[in-house]
Protein backbone atom coordinates (compact mmCIF):
# COMPACT_ATOMS: atom_id res chain seq x y z
CA UNK A 1 -184.81 66.66 261.28
CA UNK A 2 -187.10 66.96 258.27
CA UNK A 3 -188.89 63.63 258.72
CA UNK A 4 -192.59 64.44 258.17
CA UNK A 5 -193.65 61.26 259.99
CA UNK A 6 -191.87 62.30 263.20
CA UNK A 7 -194.94 63.86 264.76
CA UNK A 8 -196.00 63.00 268.29
CA UNK A 9 -199.71 62.78 267.50
CA UNK A 10 -199.06 60.57 264.50
CA UNK A 11 -196.73 58.29 266.46
CA UNK A 12 -199.21 57.95 269.31
CA UNK A 13 -202.08 57.14 266.94
CA UNK A 14 -200.13 54.46 265.06
CA UNK A 15 -198.34 52.59 267.85
CA UNK A 16 -198.91 51.76 271.50
CA UNK A 17 -195.25 50.84 272.08
CA UNK A 18 -192.55 53.50 271.90
CA UNK A 19 -189.89 50.85 271.37
CA UNK A 20 -190.93 50.96 267.72
CA UNK A 21 -189.23 54.34 267.52
CA UNK A 22 -186.68 54.61 270.34
CA UNK A 23 -185.31 52.32 273.01
CA UNK A 24 -182.41 50.97 275.03
CA UNK A 25 -182.14 47.18 274.50
CA UNK A 26 -179.88 44.93 276.55
CA UNK A 27 -178.06 41.83 275.28
CA UNK A 28 -174.91 39.85 276.11
CA UNK A 29 -171.85 39.31 273.91
CA UNK A 30 -170.05 35.98 273.61
CA UNK A 31 -167.34 37.13 276.05
CA UNK A 32 -170.00 37.77 278.70
CA UNK A 33 -170.05 41.56 278.37
CA UNK A 34 -173.48 43.07 278.77
CA UNK A 35 -174.27 45.77 276.23
CA UNK A 36 -177.24 48.08 275.80
CA UNK A 37 -178.10 49.40 272.35
CA UNK A 38 -179.70 52.84 272.32
CA UNK A 39 -181.40 54.21 269.22
CA UNK A 40 -183.80 56.93 268.14
CA UNK A 41 -185.11 58.45 264.87
CA UNK A 42 -182.51 61.22 265.13
CA UNK A 43 -179.94 59.04 263.34
CA UNK A 44 -177.79 58.72 266.46
CA UNK A 45 -177.30 55.29 268.00
CA UNK A 46 -175.02 54.23 270.84
CA UNK A 47 -173.85 51.14 272.69
CA UNK A 48 -173.63 51.35 276.48
CA UNK A 49 -171.51 49.17 278.77
CA UNK A 50 -173.31 48.36 282.05
CA UNK A 51 -170.33 46.26 283.20
CA UNK A 52 -168.07 49.29 282.80
CA UNK A 53 -169.96 51.94 284.77
CA UNK A 54 -172.60 52.42 282.02
CA UNK A 55 -170.03 54.22 279.91
CA UNK A 56 -170.66 54.73 276.19
CA UNK A 57 -168.75 52.50 273.78
CA UNK A 58 -169.85 52.61 270.13
CA UNK A 59 -171.50 55.73 268.76
CA UNK A 60 -172.71 56.23 265.19
CA UNK A 61 -174.61 58.85 263.27
CA UNK A 62 -176.43 57.54 260.20
CA UNK A 63 -173.94 54.67 260.18
CA UNK A 64 -170.81 56.85 260.49
CA UNK A 65 -168.64 56.13 263.55
CA UNK A 66 -167.91 59.02 265.89
CA UNK A 67 -165.35 57.34 268.12
CA UNK A 68 -162.26 55.15 268.14
CA UNK A 69 -162.62 51.70 269.71
CA UNK A 70 -159.83 49.52 271.09
CA UNK A 71 -159.04 46.13 269.53
CA UNK A 72 -160.82 43.33 271.38
CA UNK A 73 -163.16 45.69 273.21
CA UNK A 74 -165.40 45.82 275.08
CA UNK A 75 -163.22 44.36 277.81
CA UNK A 76 -164.73 42.92 280.96
CA UNK A 77 -163.56 44.62 284.19
CA UNK A 78 -160.47 42.94 285.60
CA UNK A 79 -158.60 44.23 288.64
CA UNK A 80 -155.58 42.16 287.58
CA UNK A 81 -155.11 44.24 284.44
CA UNK A 82 -154.03 47.86 284.08
CA UNK A 83 -156.40 50.66 283.11
CA UNK A 84 -154.62 51.03 279.77
CA UNK A 85 -155.01 47.31 279.01
CA UNK A 86 -158.75 47.59 279.68
CA UNK A 87 -159.27 50.89 277.85
CA UNK A 88 -162.18 50.43 275.45
CA UNK A 89 -161.93 53.79 273.75
CA UNK A 90 -165.53 54.62 273.02
CA UNK A 91 -167.47 57.83 273.24
CA UNK A 92 -167.23 58.07 277.03
CA UNK A 93 -164.87 56.56 279.57
CA UNK A 94 -165.54 58.02 283.00
CA UNK A 95 -162.42 58.74 285.06
CA UNK A 96 -162.59 58.90 288.85
CA UNK A 97 -164.22 58.97 291.24
CA UNK A 98 -161.32 59.65 293.62
CA UNK A 99 -158.42 59.72 291.14
CA UNK A 100 -157.92 60.94 287.57
CA UNK A 101 -154.48 61.10 286.03
CA UNK A 102 -151.24 59.10 285.97
CA UNK A 103 -150.75 56.07 288.25
CA UNK A 104 -149.80 56.58 291.87
CA UNK A 105 -148.50 54.13 294.44
CA UNK A 106 -151.95 52.79 295.32
CA UNK A 107 -153.97 54.06 292.35
CA UNK A 108 -154.10 53.00 288.70
CA UNK A 109 -154.40 55.44 285.79
CA UNK A 110 -157.69 57.37 285.98
CA UNK A 111 -159.13 55.47 288.95
CA UNK A 112 -161.48 52.54 289.41
CA UNK A 113 -164.81 53.82 288.16
CA UNK A 114 -164.61 52.17 284.76
CA UNK A 115 -164.21 48.75 286.44
CA UNK A 116 -167.48 49.10 288.36
CA UNK A 117 -170.74 47.48 287.32
CA UNK A 118 -173.97 49.43 287.05
CA UNK A 119 -177.12 48.13 288.70
CA UNK A 120 -180.27 47.09 286.82
CA UNK A 121 -181.22 49.99 284.53
CA UNK A 122 -184.64 51.59 284.43
CA UNK A 123 -185.85 52.81 281.03
CA UNK A 124 -188.66 55.30 280.48
CA UNK A 125 -189.95 57.72 277.86
CA UNK A 126 -190.33 61.42 278.68
CA UNK A 127 -193.11 62.63 276.38
CA UNK A 128 -192.77 66.32 277.17
CA UNK A 129 -189.07 66.37 276.27
CA UNK A 130 -189.50 63.73 273.53
CA UNK A 131 -186.62 61.63 274.72
CA UNK A 132 -185.91 58.10 275.90
CA UNK A 133 -184.04 57.82 279.20
CA UNK A 134 -182.00 55.16 280.94
CA UNK A 135 -181.30 55.52 284.66
CA UNK A 136 -178.87 53.39 286.64
CA UNK A 137 -176.62 53.56 289.70
CA UNK A 138 -172.97 52.79 290.33
CA UNK A 139 -171.38 52.41 293.76
CA UNK A 140 -167.68 53.07 294.42
CA UNK A 141 -167.18 51.66 297.88
CA UNK A 142 -164.37 50.35 300.10
CA UNK A 143 -164.54 49.11 303.66
CA UNK A 144 -163.13 51.97 305.78
CA UNK A 145 -162.76 53.95 302.53
CA UNK A 146 -164.85 56.03 300.16
CA UNK A 147 -168.61 55.44 299.91
CA UNK A 148 -169.65 57.21 296.72
CA UNK A 149 -173.00 56.64 295.05
CA UNK A 150 -173.43 57.75 291.43
CA UNK A 151 -176.81 57.93 289.72
CA UNK A 152 -176.49 58.16 285.92
CA UNK A 153 -179.20 59.22 283.49
CA UNK A 154 -178.50 58.85 279.76
CA UNK A 155 -180.97 60.38 277.30
CA UNK A 156 -181.52 60.14 273.55
CA UNK A 157 -183.87 62.53 271.76
CA UNK A 158 -186.39 61.80 269.01
CA UNK A 159 -185.80 64.89 266.90
CA UNK A 160 -182.19 65.89 267.52
CA UNK A 161 -178.96 63.85 267.38
CA UNK A 162 -178.02 64.57 270.99
CA UNK A 163 -176.96 62.32 273.82
CA UNK A 164 -177.08 63.77 277.32
CA UNK A 165 -175.41 62.40 280.44
CA UNK A 166 -176.59 63.60 283.85
CA UNK A 167 -174.70 62.26 286.85
CA UNK A 168 -175.52 62.82 290.49
CA UNK A 169 -172.80 61.86 292.99
CA UNK A 170 -173.54 61.48 296.70
CA UNK A 171 -171.04 60.88 299.50
CA UNK A 172 -172.65 58.30 301.81
CA UNK A 173 -169.65 58.17 304.14
CA UNK A 174 -169.31 59.93 307.48
CA UNK A 175 -165.98 61.36 306.27
CA UNK A 176 -164.99 63.76 303.46
CA UNK A 177 -163.89 61.99 300.28
CA UNK A 178 -161.44 63.05 297.57
CA UNK A 179 -163.56 63.60 294.47
CA UNK A 180 -162.15 63.70 290.93
CA UNK A 181 -164.51 63.33 287.96
CA UNK A 182 -163.38 63.62 284.35
CA UNK A 183 -165.45 62.74 281.26
CA UNK A 184 -162.93 61.14 278.88
CA UNK A 185 -164.75 61.52 275.52
CA UNK A 186 -162.78 59.67 272.84
CA UNK A 187 -163.24 60.72 269.23
CA UNK A 188 -161.89 59.02 266.14
CA UNK A 189 -161.88 58.92 262.36
CA UNK A 190 -163.68 60.20 260.32
CA UNK A 191 -165.06 62.73 262.83
CA UNK A 192 -161.45 63.64 263.60
CA UNK A 193 -159.05 63.66 260.67
CA UNK A 194 -156.53 65.93 258.99
CA UNK A 195 -158.05 69.42 258.95
CA UNK A 196 -160.48 68.95 261.85
CA UNK A 197 -160.58 71.99 264.13
CA UNK A 198 -161.42 72.32 267.81
CA UNK A 199 -163.47 75.47 268.33
CA UNK A 200 -163.64 76.69 271.91
CA UNK A 201 -163.61 80.11 273.55
CA UNK A 202 -160.91 79.74 276.17
CA UNK A 203 -157.46 80.51 277.50
CA UNK A 204 -154.92 77.81 276.57
CA UNK A 205 -152.40 76.18 278.95
CA UNK A 206 -150.01 73.54 277.49
CA UNK A 207 -149.42 70.68 279.92
CA UNK A 208 -145.70 70.26 279.22
CA UNK A 209 -142.86 71.05 276.82
CA UNK A 210 -144.18 68.60 274.20
CA UNK A 211 -147.48 70.45 274.05
CA UNK A 212 -145.76 73.84 274.21
CA UNK A 213 -143.62 72.99 271.17
CA UNK A 214 -146.78 72.58 269.05
CA UNK A 215 -149.00 75.09 270.83
CA UNK A 216 -149.46 77.20 267.71
CA UNK A 217 -151.49 74.38 266.17
CA UNK A 218 -153.40 73.30 269.30
CA UNK A 219 -156.76 73.67 267.54
CA UNK A 220 -155.90 71.72 264.39
CA UNK A 221 -155.59 67.97 263.91
CA UNK A 222 -153.08 66.26 261.66
CA UNK A 223 -153.09 63.12 259.50
CA UNK A 224 -152.28 59.82 261.19
CA UNK A 225 -148.53 59.35 261.67
CA UNK A 226 -146.30 56.71 263.23
CA UNK A 227 -144.78 57.48 266.62
CA UNK A 228 -146.85 60.60 267.31
CA UNK A 229 -146.24 61.85 270.85
CA UNK A 230 -149.44 62.84 272.63
CA UNK A 231 -150.13 66.48 273.44
CA UNK A 232 -152.38 67.79 276.21
CA UNK A 233 -153.78 71.29 276.57
CA UNK A 234 -155.81 72.61 279.48
CA UNK A 235 -158.50 75.18 278.73
CA UNK A 236 -159.95 77.85 280.97
CA UNK A 237 -163.31 78.05 279.24
CA UNK A 238 -165.90 80.78 279.02
CA UNK A 239 -169.15 80.58 280.96
CA UNK A 240 -171.85 81.91 278.61
CA UNK A 241 -173.77 83.46 281.51
CA UNK A 242 -176.15 80.53 281.92
CA UNK A 243 -173.60 78.24 283.55
CA UNK A 244 -172.81 76.48 280.27
CA UNK A 245 -169.57 76.04 278.32
CA UNK A 246 -169.28 74.81 274.73
CA UNK A 247 -166.68 73.32 272.44
CA UNK A 248 -166.91 71.60 269.06
CA UNK A 249 -164.82 69.42 266.77
CA UNK A 250 -165.65 70.66 263.29
CA UNK A 251 -164.94 69.71 259.69
CA UNK A 252 -166.28 71.52 256.63
CA UNK A 253 -169.71 69.87 256.78
CA UNK A 254 -169.79 67.73 259.92
CA UNK A 255 -168.91 67.96 263.59
CA UNK A 256 -169.73 67.21 267.20
CA UNK A 257 -170.59 69.88 269.77
CA UNK A 258 -170.07 69.49 273.51
CA UNK A 259 -171.95 71.51 276.09
CA UNK A 260 -171.64 71.08 279.84
CA UNK A 261 -172.39 72.52 283.24
CA UNK A 262 -169.36 74.67 283.89
CA UNK A 263 -170.18 75.19 287.55
CA UNK A 264 -169.64 71.51 288.30
CA UNK A 265 -167.12 70.95 285.51
CA UNK A 266 -164.93 74.08 285.31
CA UNK A 267 -161.98 72.34 283.58
CA UNK A 268 -161.53 71.20 279.98
CA UNK A 269 -158.62 68.97 278.97
CA UNK A 270 -157.82 68.45 275.30
CA UNK A 271 -155.92 65.26 274.45
CA UNK A 272 -154.37 65.17 270.97
CA UNK A 273 -153.26 61.73 269.81
CA UNK A 274 -153.10 61.38 266.03
CA UNK A 275 -150.93 58.28 266.16
CA UNK A 276 -151.24 55.74 263.36
CA UNK A 277 -153.66 52.93 264.23
CA UNK A 278 -154.57 54.37 267.63
CA UNK A 279 -155.92 57.64 266.26
CA UNK A 280 -157.97 58.67 269.29
CA UNK A 281 -158.41 62.20 270.56
CA UNK A 282 -160.02 63.34 273.79
CA UNK A 283 -162.33 66.18 274.78
CA UNK A 284 -162.51 65.96 278.57
CA UNK A 285 -164.67 68.23 280.75
CA UNK A 286 -164.06 67.63 284.44
CA UNK A 287 -164.09 68.95 287.97
CA UNK A 288 -160.32 68.47 287.77
CA UNK A 289 -157.44 68.12 285.35
CA UNK A 290 -155.86 64.65 284.97
CA UNK A 291 -152.96 65.31 287.32
CA UNK A 292 -153.70 62.62 289.90
CA UNK A 293 -154.94 62.84 293.48
CA UNK A 294 -151.55 63.53 295.07
CA UNK A 295 -150.69 66.37 292.72
CA UNK A 296 -154.20 67.81 293.01
CA UNK A 297 -153.91 67.81 296.79
CA UNK A 298 -150.48 69.50 296.67
CA UNK A 299 -151.70 72.13 294.20
CA UNK A 300 -154.84 72.88 296.23
CA UNK A 301 -157.07 71.79 293.35
CA UNK A 302 -158.40 68.60 294.96
CA UNK A 303 -162.17 68.69 295.47
CA UNK A 304 -163.44 67.11 298.68
CA UNK A 305 -167.01 65.83 298.79
CA UNK A 306 -168.34 66.28 302.30
CA UNK A 307 -170.41 63.67 304.20
CA UNK A 308 -173.94 63.72 302.81
CA UNK A 309 -172.98 66.17 300.08
CA UNK A 310 -174.48 65.67 296.61
CA UNK A 311 -173.32 67.21 293.34
CA UNK A 312 -174.91 67.04 289.88
CA UNK A 313 -173.20 67.18 286.48
CA UNK A 314 -174.52 67.59 282.93
CA UNK A 315 -172.79 66.86 279.63
CA UNK A 316 -174.41 66.81 276.18
CA UNK A 317 -172.97 65.87 272.80
CA UNK A 318 -174.79 66.93 269.61
CA UNK A 319 -173.99 65.98 266.02
CA UNK A 320 -173.61 69.01 263.73
CA UNK A 321 -174.66 67.98 260.22
CA UNK A 322 -174.23 70.15 257.11
CA UNK A 323 -172.23 73.18 256.03
CA UNK A 324 -174.74 75.71 257.34
CA UNK A 325 -175.02 73.98 260.71
CA UNK A 326 -171.23 73.83 261.05
CA UNK A 327 -170.86 77.52 260.19
CA UNK A 328 -173.57 78.45 262.68
CA UNK A 329 -171.95 76.35 265.42
CA UNK A 330 -168.53 77.85 264.80
CA UNK A 331 -169.91 81.38 264.86
CA UNK A 332 -171.94 80.79 268.03
CA UNK A 333 -168.95 79.49 269.99
CA UNK A 334 -166.41 81.97 268.61
CA UNK A 335 -168.65 84.98 269.28
CA UNK A 336 -169.90 83.80 272.66
CA UNK A 337 -169.79 86.39 275.40
CA UNK A 338 -169.46 85.71 279.09
CA UNK A 339 -166.80 85.39 281.75
CA UNK A 340 -164.09 82.85 282.43
CA UNK A 341 -165.43 79.92 284.42
CA UNK A 342 -165.05 80.24 288.16
CA UNK A 343 -163.42 77.37 290.02
CA UNK A 344 -160.79 76.74 287.34
CA UNK A 345 -157.33 77.04 288.89
CA UNK A 346 -154.42 76.34 286.55
CA UNK A 347 -151.69 77.66 288.81
CA UNK A 348 -148.39 76.04 287.88
CA UNK A 349 -149.10 76.06 284.14
CA UNK A 350 -148.17 78.88 281.81
CA UNK A 351 -150.80 80.42 279.56
CA UNK A 352 -150.09 80.27 275.82
CA UNK A 353 -150.38 83.73 274.25
CA UNK A 354 -149.59 82.90 270.63
């Protein structure tokens, strides 16, 4: 950013309270939903949902929305309603922690995490990194079942329009637990519109015949149309040598870049859904693909978190603003060297070679 006033010494000498510049502020909507507004001088502001696992609902950059939101959202958690009925859209809906994918006999779509409430958040400013942080915990627990403890840290930066999510998941049980974690990032208009391109250095695997029939245009997004049938592509992404993978949704002068820890999240699912009125498209890093726990177990892809085992995950999203920045982002990803991410097993799906 080119804001001359955004200087640490100047800020410190003019204010004793960093909330003047950046903060996470909690309030309650009329329907009882708690929300937390996060803002910083970077131009990026977000709305978090502590009653829905501290997922990210609204996201804007200089007033422009980045994500699609569902009518009537944010919805309070309700175990009497289906996952699809409670889907808020929003920048992040976390899927898991023991199931991600279609419904199974005893499991709803994408698991129970998004129905769980986060505990009282702690907010602090990290001066060295120039960012404001919110830390909370979420417990997915059943008597005689899984005992999973998730610690979530969400950070906003003063000088760059980036939001970072760092999750640490610990198995407190004395038994191994199925562990499926997928970051369902939901992007909407005008970030995604006719002509938007997904740039990612990867091998492409269509999920089914519907996706295969349009595989030649997997990277390009169409105008909104009635009755559009969703398409899903799985990506075997490149590790840049530092344990990081990148992808970006780009227009001519604006975009959003994703970067994540590919060791913990070796899979990337791309959900294309340019349907009229529900124009929402997903970029979904995960430790799994959304195939469900039963299918993951049968395919040998199911991750088991051992008793006392702890795993950490990092995902960042950065706004790319301006023609030069978009061109630089596209070139960086397209020319990235490295090796295909280890731990990604897409056996059973056929690679697209078009």
